[in-house]
Amino acid sequence: MNFKKILKEPITRRGFFSVLGTFTILGCMPRGTEEDYYYYPNLGSTPGSTPRPIPTPSGTPISDPSSLEICAETIAEDRIRQIGYQGGHLNPGPDTYLEYLGNRVSYRCYNVTGKPYCSGRVLSITDMEEDLGINIKNDLIAKCSIGEVINVGVDIKQDETLVTIATRSSTISKSIELPLGRLYDVSHYIVNSEARTGEFDTLEYSLTQTQITGMPYIVQKLQPYPDKLYLCKIKDVPNPDNEFIFQFAIQGEPRSSDILN
């Protein structure tokens, strides 16, 4: 495959907009076939098959509710996976999400009437850290017997999220090794492109990022009319049977005939 000149931005992870730079990629196809970039075990058994619902985490059973360590790891991973499934928001408000295959997938860019591009919705790393902290704390109080929970701190990095929990009697820090920060960066790049032009080349981005980083990036665009849904992951991370997914929606514009009907 010949790589053409593409835009790559120096992403500002704790904000939303950033200045774009330009670079040229020259190289060869990374390992794997083109089919690999469209095969999603969580979406269908064969490439091009009908997607299966991706369940929003409803709460993994806690083997020992009196153990701060077990509670911290179980609840934190559940919530981090959920925020990935829901596009960066754990409790999306009315008219801010796409209801798709049983999930509330947050809009990251809103339709602009009559235009191909969309209006970006601000989502920062700090927003997700605060959302996770509040919900993890509430879950600890509701589901565990670990004494009074004083504070929950969350620090999202590229390939792990550090969760620090302080109770009246002790403090614990857990590292949840899921690429939330890395895939947030992917979503940020896609949203910037959609907000500028209304378009994004998923295959070229996946191949380019795979070659640059040595990690198998996979981005798929689904089109549940009239919206778009982007699904992002690093193949087989953290493991082939339970990959971490970050998905989000771009709001589309219904055809005028559909509105009239």
C-alpha atoms as a PDB file:
ATOM      1  CA  MET A   1       0.000   0.000   0.000  1.00  0.00           C
ATOM      2  CA  ASN A   2       1.254   3.490  -0.818  1.00  0.00           C
ATOM      3  CA  PHE A   3       0.834   5.915   2.027  1.00  0.00           C
ATOM      4  CA  LYS A   4      -0.242   9.375   0.971  1.00  0.00           C
ATOM      5  CA  LYS A   5       0.352  12.579   2.842  1.00  0.00           C
ATOM      6  CA  ILE A   6      -1.844  12.747   5.927  1.00  0.00           C
ATOM      7  CA  LEU A   7      -2.407  15.074   8.826  1.00  0.00           C
ATOM      8  CA  LYS A   8      -1.228  14.182  12.292  1.00  0.00           C
ATOM      9  CA  GLU A   9      -1.828  16.504  15.248  1.00  0.00           C
ATOM     10  CA  PRO A  10       0.242  16.936  18.405  1.00  0.00           C
ATOM     11  CA  ILE A  11      -2.674  15.973  20.626  1.00  0.00           C
ATOM     12  CA  THR A  12      -3.323  17.915  23.803  1.00  0.00           C
ATOM     13  CA  ARG A  13      -4.721  15.145  26.006  1.00  0.00           C
ATOM     14  CA  ARG A  14      -6.215  17.302  28.740  1.00  0.00           C
ATOM     15  CA  GLY A  15      -7.950  19.670  26.390  1.00  0.00           C
ATOM     16  CA  PHE A  16      -9.885  19.245  23.177  1.00  0.00           C
ATOM     17  CA  PHE A  17      -8.555  21.378  20.338  1.00  0.00           C
ATOM     18  CA  SER A  18      -4.961  21.454  19.199  1.00  0.00           C
ATOM     19  CA  VAL A  19      -2.807  22.724  16.387  1.00  0.00           C
ATOM     20  CA  LEU A  20      -2.351  20.337  13.466  1.00  0.00           C
ATOM     21  CA  GLY A  21       0.972  19.481  11.910  1.00  0.00           C
ATOM     22  CA  THR A  22       1.766  17.732   8.650  1.00  0.00           C
ATOM     23  CA  PHE A  23       3.986  14.762   7.989  1.00  0.00           C
ATOM     24  CA  THR A  24       4.530  12.164   5.292  1.00  0.00           C
ATOM     25  CA  ILE A  25       4.579   8.427   5.923  1.00  0.00           C
ATOM     26  CA  LEU A  26       6.609   6.220   3.612  1.00  0.00           C
ATOM     27  CA  GLY A  27       6.718   2.506   4.191  1.00  0.00           C
ATOM     28  CA  CYS A  28       5.197  -0.870   3.682  1.00  0.00           C
ATOM     29  CA  MET A  29       2.136  -2.746   4.877  1.00  0.00           C
ATOM     30  CA  PRO A  30       2.420  -3.844   8.526  1.00  0.00           C
ATOM     31  CA  ARG A  31       2.050  -7.517   9.379  1.00  0.00           C
ATOM     32  CA  GLY A  32      -1.402  -8.917   8.838  1.00  0.00           C
ATOM     33  CA  THR A  33      -3.867  -8.651   5.988  1.00  0.00           C
ATOM     34  CA  GLU A  34      -6.401  -5.957   5.259  1.00  0.00           C
ATOM     35  CA  GLU A  35      -9.055  -8.372   6.523  1.00  0.00           C
ATOM     36  CA  ASP A  36      -7.473  -8.228   9.985  1.00  0.00           C
ATOM     37  CA  TYR A  37      -8.426  -4.582  10.240  1.00  0.00           C
ATOM     38  CA  TYR A  38     -12.105  -5.330   9.782  1.00  0.00           C
ATOM     39  CA  TYR A  39     -12.444  -8.440  11.953  1.00  0.00           C
ATOM     40  CA  TYR A  40     -13.916  -7.827  15.399  1.00  0.00           C
ATOM     41  CA  PRO A  41     -14.584 -10.912  17.526  1.00  0.00           C
ATOM     42  CA  ASN A  42     -16.928  -8.850  19.709  1.00  0.00           C
ATOM     43  CA  LEU A  43     -18.951  -7.703  16.710  1.00  0.00           C
ATOM     44  CA  GLY A  44     -19.339 -10.797  14.569  1.00  0.00           C
ATOM     45  CA  SER A  45     -17.920 -14.239  13.898  1.00  0.00           C
ATOM     46  CA  THR A  46     -16.681 -13.431  10.390  1.00  0.00           C
ATOM     47  CA  PRO A  47     -15.626 -10.264   8.597  1.00  0.00           C
ATOM     48  CA  GLY A  48     -18.723  -8.413   7.405  1.00  0.00           C
ATOM     49  CA  SER A  49     -21.141 -10.374   9.597  1.00  0.00           C
ATOM     50  CA  THR A  50     -23.953  -8.769  11.576  1.00  0.00           C
ATOM     51  CA  PRO A  51     -22.595  -7.150  14.749  1.00  0.00           C
ATOM     52  CA  ARG A  52     -23.422  -8.774  18.054  1.00  0.00           C
ATOM     53  CA  PRO A  53     -24.306  -6.541  21.022  1.00  0.00           C
ATOM     54  CA  ILE A  54     -21.374  -5.439  23.162  1.00  0.00           C
ATOM     55  CA  PRO A  55     -22.612  -5.551  26.766  1.00  0.00           C
ATOM     56  CA  THR A  56     -22.032  -2.550  28.972  1.00  0.00           C
ATOM     57  CA  PRO A  57     -20.345  -3.852  32.151  1.00  0.00           C
ATOM     58  CA  SER A  58     -23.056  -4.307  34.758  1.00  0.00           C
ATOM     59  CA  GLY A  59     -20.789  -5.177  37.661  1.00  0.00           C
ATOM     60  CA  THR A  60     -18.418  -8.108  37.948  1.00  0.00           C
ATOM     61  CA  PRO A  61     -19.122 -10.148  41.112  1.00  0.00           C
ATOM     62  CA  ILE A  62     -16.760  -9.209  43.927  1.00  0.00           C
ATOM     63  CA  SER A  63     -15.231 -12.349  45.413  1.00  0.00           C
ATOM     64  CA  ASP A  64     -14.442 -10.722  48.779  1.00  0.00           C
ATOM     65  CA  PRO A  65     -16.356  -7.488  49.546  1.00  0.00           C
ATOM     66  CA  SER A  66     -14.276  -6.989  52.700  1.00  0.00           C
ATOM     67  CA  SER A  67     -10.983  -6.836  50.754  1.00  0.00           C
ATOM     68  CA  LEU A  68     -10.029  -3.317  49.735  1.00  0.00           C
ATOM     69  CA  GLU A  69      -7.601  -4.655  47.117  1.00  0.00           C
ATOM     70  CA  ILE A  70     -10.151  -6.947  45.451  1.00  0.00           C
ATOM     71  CA  CYS A  71     -12.875  -4.293  45.569  1.00  0.00           C
ATOM     72  CA  ALA A  72     -10.569  -1.649  44.126  1.00  0.00           C
ATOM     73  CA  GLU A  73      -9.368  -3.747  41.205  1.00  0.00           C
ATOM     74  CA  THR A  74     -12.761  -5.253  40.302  1.00  0.00           C
ATOM     75  CA  ILE A  75     -14.762  -2.036  40.466  1.00  0.00           C
ATOM     76  CA  ALA A  76     -12.133   0.146  38.803  1.00  0.00           C
ATOM     77  CA  GLU A  77     -11.744  -2.196  35.825  1.00  0.00           C
ATOM     78  CA  ASP A  78     -15.524  -2.443  35.382  1.00  0.00           C
ATOM     79  CA  ARG A  79     -15.906   1.324  35.328  1.00  0.00           C
ATOM     80  CA  ILE A  80     -12.936   1.889  33.005  1.00  0.00           C
ATOM     81  CA  ARG A  81     -14.317  -0.639  30.541  1.00  0.00           C
ATOM     82  CA  GLN A  82     -17.743   0.983  30.789  1.00  0.00           C
ATOM     83  CA  ILE A  83     -16.437   4.475  30.080  1.00  0.00           C
ATOM     84  CA  GLY A  84     -14.743   3.016  27.003  1.00  0.00           C
ATOM     85  CA  TYR A  85     -17.932   1.360  25.768  1.00  0.00           C
ATOM     86  CA  GLN A  86     -19.846   4.611  26.298  1.00  0.00           C
ATOM     87  CA  GLY A  87     -17.454   7.003  24.612  1.00  0.00           C
ATOM     88  CA  GLY A  88     -16.019   8.779  27.636  1.00  0.00           C
ATOM     89  CA  HIS A  89     -19.161   9.362  29.707  1.00  0.00           C
ATOM     90  CA  LEU A  90     -20.503   7.001  32.381  1.00  0.00           C
ATOM     91  CA  ASN A  91     -23.887   8.733  32.690  1.00  0.00           C
ATOM     92  CA  PRO A  92     -24.695  10.408  29.365  1.00  0.00           C
ATOM     93  CA  GLY A  93     -27.592  12.847  29.527  1.00  0.00           C
ATOM     94  CA  PRO A  94     -30.699  12.985  27.298  1.00  0.00           C
ATOM     95  CA  ASP A  95     -29.994  13.612  23.595  1.00  0.00           C
ATOM     96  CA  THR A  96     -26.223  13.206  24.086  1.00  0.00           C
ATOM     97  CA  TYR A  97     -25.845   9.580  23.005  1.00  0.00           C
ATOM     98  CA  LEU A  98     -26.645   7.004  20.355  1.00  0.00           C
ATOM     99  CA  GLU A  99     -28.631   4.007  21.563  1.00  0.00           C
ATOM    100  CA  TYR A 100     -26.874   1.176  19.743  1.00  0.00           C
ATOM    101  CA  LEU A 101     -27.031  -2.563  20.402  1.00  0.00           C
ATOM    102  CA  GLY A 102     -28.058  -1.970  24.007  1.00  0.00           C
ATOM    103  CA  ASN A 103     -25.406   0.647  24.771  1.00  0.00           C
ATOM    104  CA  ARG A 104     -25.580   4.401  25.282  1.00  0.00           C
ATOM    105  CA  VAL A 105     -22.686   5.510  23.079  1.00  0.00           C
ATOM    106  CA  SER A 106     -21.904   9.188  23.627  1.00  0.00           C
ATOM    107  CA  TYR A 107     -21.888  11.671  20.771  1.00  0.00           C
ATOM    108  CA  ARG A 108     -18.462  13.274  20.448  1.00  0.00           C
ATOM    109  CA  CYS A 109     -19.543  15.587  17.614  1.00  0.00           C
ATOM    110  CA  TYR A 110     -22.977  17.076  16.948  1.00  0.00           C
ATOM    111  CA  ASN A 111     -24.654  17.533  13.576  1.00  0.00           C
ATOM    112  CA  VAL A 112     -24.471  20.947  11.898  1.00  0.00           C
ATOM    113  CA  THR A 113     -27.556  21.297   9.698  1.00  0.00           C
ATOM    114  CA  GLY A 114     -26.764  21.249   6.010  1.00  0.00           C
ATOM    115  CA  LYS A 115     -23.004  20.834   6.500  1.00  0.00           C
ATOM    116  CA  PRO A 116     -20.765  17.755   6.046  1.00  0.00           C
ATOM    117  CA  TYR A 117     -18.770  18.557   9.185  1.00  0.00           C
ATOM    118  CA  CYS A 118     -19.938  18.481  12.794  1.00  0.00           C
ATOM    119  CA  SER A 119     -19.524  20.530  15.965  1.00  0.00           C
ATOM    120  CA  GLY A 120     -17.071  18.939  18.405  1.00  0.00           C
ATOM    121  CA  ARG A 121     -18.159  18.175  21.957  1.00  0.00           C
ATOM    122  CA  VAL A 122     -15.537  18.837  24.592  1.00  0.00           C
ATOM    123  CA  LEU A 123     -14.239  15.796  26.462  1.00  0.00           C
ATOM    124  CA  SER A 124     -10.930  15.954  28.316  1.00  0.00           C
ATOM    125  CA  ILE A 125      -8.888  13.408  30.213  1.00  0.00           C
ATOM    126  CA  THR A 126      -9.698  15.364  33.385  1.00  0.00           C
ATOM    127  CA  ASP A 127     -13.436  14.983  32.683  1.00  0.00           C
ATOM    128  CA  MET A 128     -13.063  11.213  32.511  1.00  0.00           C
ATOM    129  CA  GLU A 129     -10.871  11.086  35.615  1.00  0.00           C
ATOM    130  CA  GLU A 130     -13.484  12.981  37.635  1.00  0.00           C
ATOM    131  CA  ASP A 131     -16.342  10.856  36.260  1.00  0.00           C
ATOM    132  CA  LEU A 132     -14.495   7.640  37.099  1.00  0.00           C
ATOM    133  CA  GLY A 133     -13.518   8.854  40.576  1.00  0.00           C
ATOM    134  CA  ILE A 134     -17.100   9.703  41.532  1.00  0.00           C
ATOM    135  CA  ASN A 135     -18.554   6.436  40.241  1.00  0.00           C
ATOM    136  CA  ILE A 136     -15.822   4.180  41.626  1.00  0.00           C
ATOM    137  CA  LYS A 137     -16.289   5.777  45.051  1.00  0.00           C
ATOM    138  CA  ASN A 138     -20.064   5.291  44.891  1.00  0.00           C
ATOM    139  CA  ASP A 139     -19.607   1.636  43.883  1.00  0.00           C
ATOM    140  CA  LEU A 140     -17.153   1.002  46.733  1.00  0.00           C
ATOM    141  CA  ILE A 141     -19.630   2.425  49.232  1.00  0.00           C
ATOM    142  CA  ALA A 142     -22.543   0.440  47.790  1.00  0.00           C
ATOM    143  CA  LYS A 143     -20.863  -2.917  47.150  1.00  0.00           C
ATOM    144  CA  CYS A 144     -18.008  -3.319  49.632  1.00  0.00           C
ATOM    145  CA  SER A 145     -17.479  -3.499  53.379  1.00  0.00           C
ATOM    146  CA  ILE A 146     -14.193  -1.642  53.664  1.00  0.00           C
ATOM    147  CA  GLY A 147     -15.070   1.173  56.016  1.00  0.00           C
ATOM    148  CA  GLU A 148     -15.559   4.816  55.154  1.00  0.00           C
ATOM    149  CA  VAL A 149     -14.199   5.772  51.731  1.00  0.00           C
ATOM    150  CA  ILE A 150     -12.544   9.177  52.040  1.00  0.00           C
ATOM    151  CA  ASN A 151     -11.314   9.786  48.513  1.00  0.00           C
ATOM    152  CA  VAL A 152     -10.763   8.138  45.121  1.00  0.00           C
ATOM    153  CA  GLY A 153      -8.131   9.581  42.806  1.00  0.00           C
ATOM    154  CA  VAL A 154      -7.810   8.599  39.144  1.00  0.00           C
ATOM    155  CA  ASP A 155      -4.839   9.267  36.856  1.00  0.00           C
ATOM    156  CA  ILE A 156      -5.327   8.180  33.223  1.00  0.00           C
ATOM    157  CA  LYS A 157      -2.129   7.417  31.321  1.00  0.00           C
ATOM    158  CA  GLN A 158      -1.595   5.987  27.843  1.00  0.00           C
ATOM    159  CA  ASP A 159      -1.772   2.284  28.654  1.00  0.00           C
ATOM    160  CA  GLU A 160      -2.845   2.184  32.285  1.00  0.00           C
ATOM    161  CA  THR A 161      -5.042   4.018  34.748  1.00  0.00           C
ATOM    162  CA  LEU A 162      -3.829   4.545  38.299  1.00  0.00           C
ATOM    163  CA  VAL A 163      -6.582   4.432  40.920  1.00  0.00           C
ATOM    164  CA  THR A 164      -5.803   5.497  44.485  1.00  0.00           C
ATOM    165  CA  ILE A 165      -8.381   4.787  47.183  1.00  0.00           C
ATOM    166  CA  ALA A 166      -8.174   6.214  50.676  1.00  0.00           C
ATOM    167  CA  THR A 167     -10.347   4.859  53.473  1.00  0.00           C
ATOM    168  CA  ARG A 168     -10.399   5.825  57.147  1.00  0.00           C
ATOM    169  CA  SER A 169      -7.851   3.097  57.933  1.00  0.00           C
ATOM    170  CA  SER A 170      -5.706   2.612  54.824  1.00  0.00           C
ATOM    171  CA  THR A 171      -4.767   3.731  51.315  1.00  0.00           C
ATOM    172  CA  ILE A 172      -4.222   1.552  48.252  1.00  0.00           C
ATOM    173  CA  SER A 173      -3.166   2.264  44.664  1.00  0.00           C
ATOM    174  CA  LYS A 174      -3.996  -0.044  41.769  1.00  0.00           C
ATOM    175  CA  SER A 175      -2.799   0.051  38.184  1.00  0.00           C
ATOM    176  CA  ILE A 176      -5.497  -1.033  35.705  1.00  0.00           C
ATOM    177  CA  GLU A 177      -3.632  -1.928  32.527  1.00  0.00           C
ATOM    178  CA  LEU A 178      -6.113  -0.923  29.828  1.00  0.00           C
ATOM    179  CA  PRO A 179      -5.240   1.569  27.040  1.00  0.00           C
ATOM    180  CA  LEU A 180      -7.930   4.142  27.889  1.00  0.00           C
ATOM    181  CA  GLY A 181      -5.609   7.121  27.427  1.00  0.00           C
ATOM    182  CA  ARG A 182      -4.193   5.828  24.142  1.00  0.00           C
ATOM    183  CA  LEU A 183      -7.626   5.183  22.629  1.00  0.00           C
ATOM    184  CA  TYR A 184      -8.939   8.515  23.925  1.00  0.00           C
ATOM    185  CA  ASP A 185      -6.151  10.098  21.858  1.00  0.00           C
ATOM    186  CA  VAL A 186      -7.375   8.136  18.825  1.00  0.00           C
ATOM    187  CA  SER A 187     -10.932   9.369  19.364  1.00  0.00           C
ATOM    188  CA  HIS A 188      -9.698  12.937  19.769  1.00  0.00           C
ATOM    189  CA  TYR A 189      -7.896  12.746  16.419  1.00  0.00           C
ATOM    190  CA  ILE A 190     -10.952  11.297  14.676  1.00  0.00           C
ATOM    191  CA  VAL A 191     -13.295  13.929  16.151  1.00  0.00           C
ATOM    192  CA  ASN A 192     -10.989  16.733  15.002  1.00  0.00           C
ATOM    193  CA  SER A 193     -11.059  15.307  11.470  1.00  0.00           C
ATOM    194  CA  GLU A 194     -14.857  14.925  11.476  1.00  0.00           C
ATOM    195  CA  ALA A 195     -15.246  18.493  12.806  1.00  0.00           C
ATOM    196  CA  ARG A 196     -13.030  19.841   9.992  1.00  0.00           C
ATOM    197  CA  THR A 197     -14.117  17.827   6.971  1.00  0.00           C
ATOM    198  CA  GLY A 198     -16.830  15.345   7.961  1.00  0.00           C
ATOM    199  CA  GLU A 199     -14.580  12.477   6.886  1.00  0.00           C
ATOM    200  CA  PHE A 200     -12.018  10.058   8.317  1.00  0.00           C
ATOM    201  CA  ASP A 201     -10.059   7.229   6.685  1.00  0.00           C
ATOM    202  CA  THR A 202     -10.109   4.402   9.239  1.00  0.00           C
ATOM    203  CA  LEU A 203      -7.988   1.905   7.314  1.00  0.00           C
ATOM    204  CA  GLU A 204      -5.187   4.318   6.503  1.00  0.00           C
ATOM    205  CA  TYR A 205      -5.082   5.565  10.096  1.00  0.00           C
ATOM    206  CA  SER A 206      -4.971   2.005  11.472  1.00  0.00           C
ATOM    207  CA  LEU A 207      -2.155   0.995   9.152  1.00  0.00           C
ATOM    208  CA  THR A 208      -0.169   4.175   9.738  1.00  0.00           C
ATOM    209  CA  GLN A 209      -0.404   4.080  13.536  1.00  0.00           C
ATOM    210  CA  THR A 210       0.457   0.395  13.542  1.00  0.00           C
ATOM    211  CA  GLN A 211       3.631   1.093  11.600  1.00  0.00           C
ATOM    212  CA  ILE A 212       4.595   4.126  13.703  1.00  0.00           C
ATOM    213  CA  THR A 213       4.026   2.501  17.107  1.00  0.00           C
ATOM    214  CA  GLY A 214       4.500  -1.199  16.409  1.00  0.00           C
ATOM    215  CA  MET A 215       1.109  -1.775  18.051  1.00  0.00           C
ATOM    216  CA  PRO A 216      -1.798  -3.210  16.012  1.00  0.00           C
ATOM    217  CA  TYR A 217      -4.272  -0.301  15.980  1.00  0.00           C
ATOM    218  CA  ILE A 218      -7.766  -1.139  14.742  1.00  0.00           C
ATOM    219  CA  VAL A 219     -10.402   1.489  13.970  1.00  0.00           C
ATOM    220  CA  GLN A 220     -13.736   0.586  12.422  1.00  0.00           C
ATOM    221  CA  LYS A 221     -16.506   2.912  11.291  1.00  0.00           C
ATOM    222  CA  LEU A 222     -20.083   1.652  11.467  1.00  0.00           C
ATOM    223  CA  GLN A 223     -22.999   3.686  10.122  1.00  0.00           C
ATOM    224  CA  PRO A 224     -26.233   3.160  12.058  1.00  0.00           C
ATOM    225  CA  TYR A 225     -28.320   5.692  10.087  1.00  0.00           C
ATOM    226  CA  PRO A 226     -28.096   8.642  10.278  1.00  0.00           C
ATOM    227  CA  ASP A 227     -25.140   8.552  12.662  1.00  0.00           C
ATOM    228  CA  LYS A 228     -21.593   7.157  12.563  1.00  0.00           C
ATOM    229  CA  LEU A 229     -20.075   4.966  15.241  1.00  0.00           C
ATOM    230  CA  TYR A 230     -16.310   4.579  15.585  1.00  0.00           C
ATOM    231  CA  LEU A 231     -14.921   1.539  17.378  1.00  0.00           C
ATOM    232  CA  CYS A 232     -11.258   1.702  18.438  1.00  0.00           C
ATOM    233  CA  LYS A 233      -8.974  -0.879  19.998  1.00  0.00           C
ATOM    234  CA  ILE A 234      -5.464  -2.291  20.083  1.00  0.00           C
ATOM    235  CA  LYS A 235      -5.729  -5.848  18.822  1.00  0.00           C
ATOM    236  CA  ASP A 236      -5.538  -8.521  21.574  1.00  0.00           C
ATOM    237  CA  VAL A 237      -5.080  -5.935  24.369  1.00  0.00           C
ATOM    238  CA  PRO A 238      -5.257  -6.806  27.189  1.00  0.00           C
ATOM    239  CA  ASN A 239      -5.967 -10.297  25.808  1.00  0.00           C
ATOM    240  CA  PRO A 240      -7.650 -11.801  22.714  1.00  0.00           C
ATOM    241  CA  ASP A 241     -10.767 -12.891  24.609  1.00  0.00           C
ATOM    242  CA  ASN A 242     -11.459  -9.612  26.375  1.00  0.00           C
ATOM    243  CA  GLU A 243     -10.136  -6.694  24.344  1.00  0.00           C
ATOM    244  CA  PHE A 244     -10.551  -3.145  25.617  1.00  0.00           C
ATOM    245  CA  ILE A 245     -12.775  -1.057  23.339  1.00  0.00           C
ATOM    246  CA  PHE A 246     -13.309   2.691  23.103  1.00  0.00           C
ATOM    247  CA  GLN A 247     -16.308   3.547  20.941  1.00  0.00           C
ATOM    248  CA  PHE A 248     -18.098   6.831  20.314  1.00  0.00           C
ATOM    249  CA  ALA A 249     -20.666   8.335  17.963  1.00  0.00           C
ATOM    250  CA  ILE A 250     -20.814  11.201  15.475  1.00  0.00           C
ATOM    251  CA  GLN A 251     -24.323  12.626  15.138  1.00  0.00           C
ATOM    252  CA  GLY A 252     -25.667  12.585  11.585  1.00  0.00           C
ATOM    253  CA  GLU A 253     -28.439  14.478   9.802  1.00  0.00           C
ATOM    254  CA  PRO A 254     -31.588  12.606   8.803  1.00  0.00           C
ATOM    255  CA  ARG A 255     -32.798  12.991   5.223  1.00  0.00           C
ATOM    256  CA  SER A 256     -35.486  15.646   4.879  1.00  0.00           C
ATOM    257  CA  SER A 257     -37.964  13.020   3.662  1.00  0.00           C
ATOM    258  CA  ASP A 258     -37.462  11.072   6.894  1.00  0.00           C
ATOM    259  CA  ILE A 259     -38.047  14.187   8.994  1.00  0.00           C
ATOM    260  CA  LEU A 260     -41.285  14.977   7.148  1.00  0.00           C
ATOM    261  CA  ASN A 261     -42.533  11.426   7.638  1.00  0.00           C
END
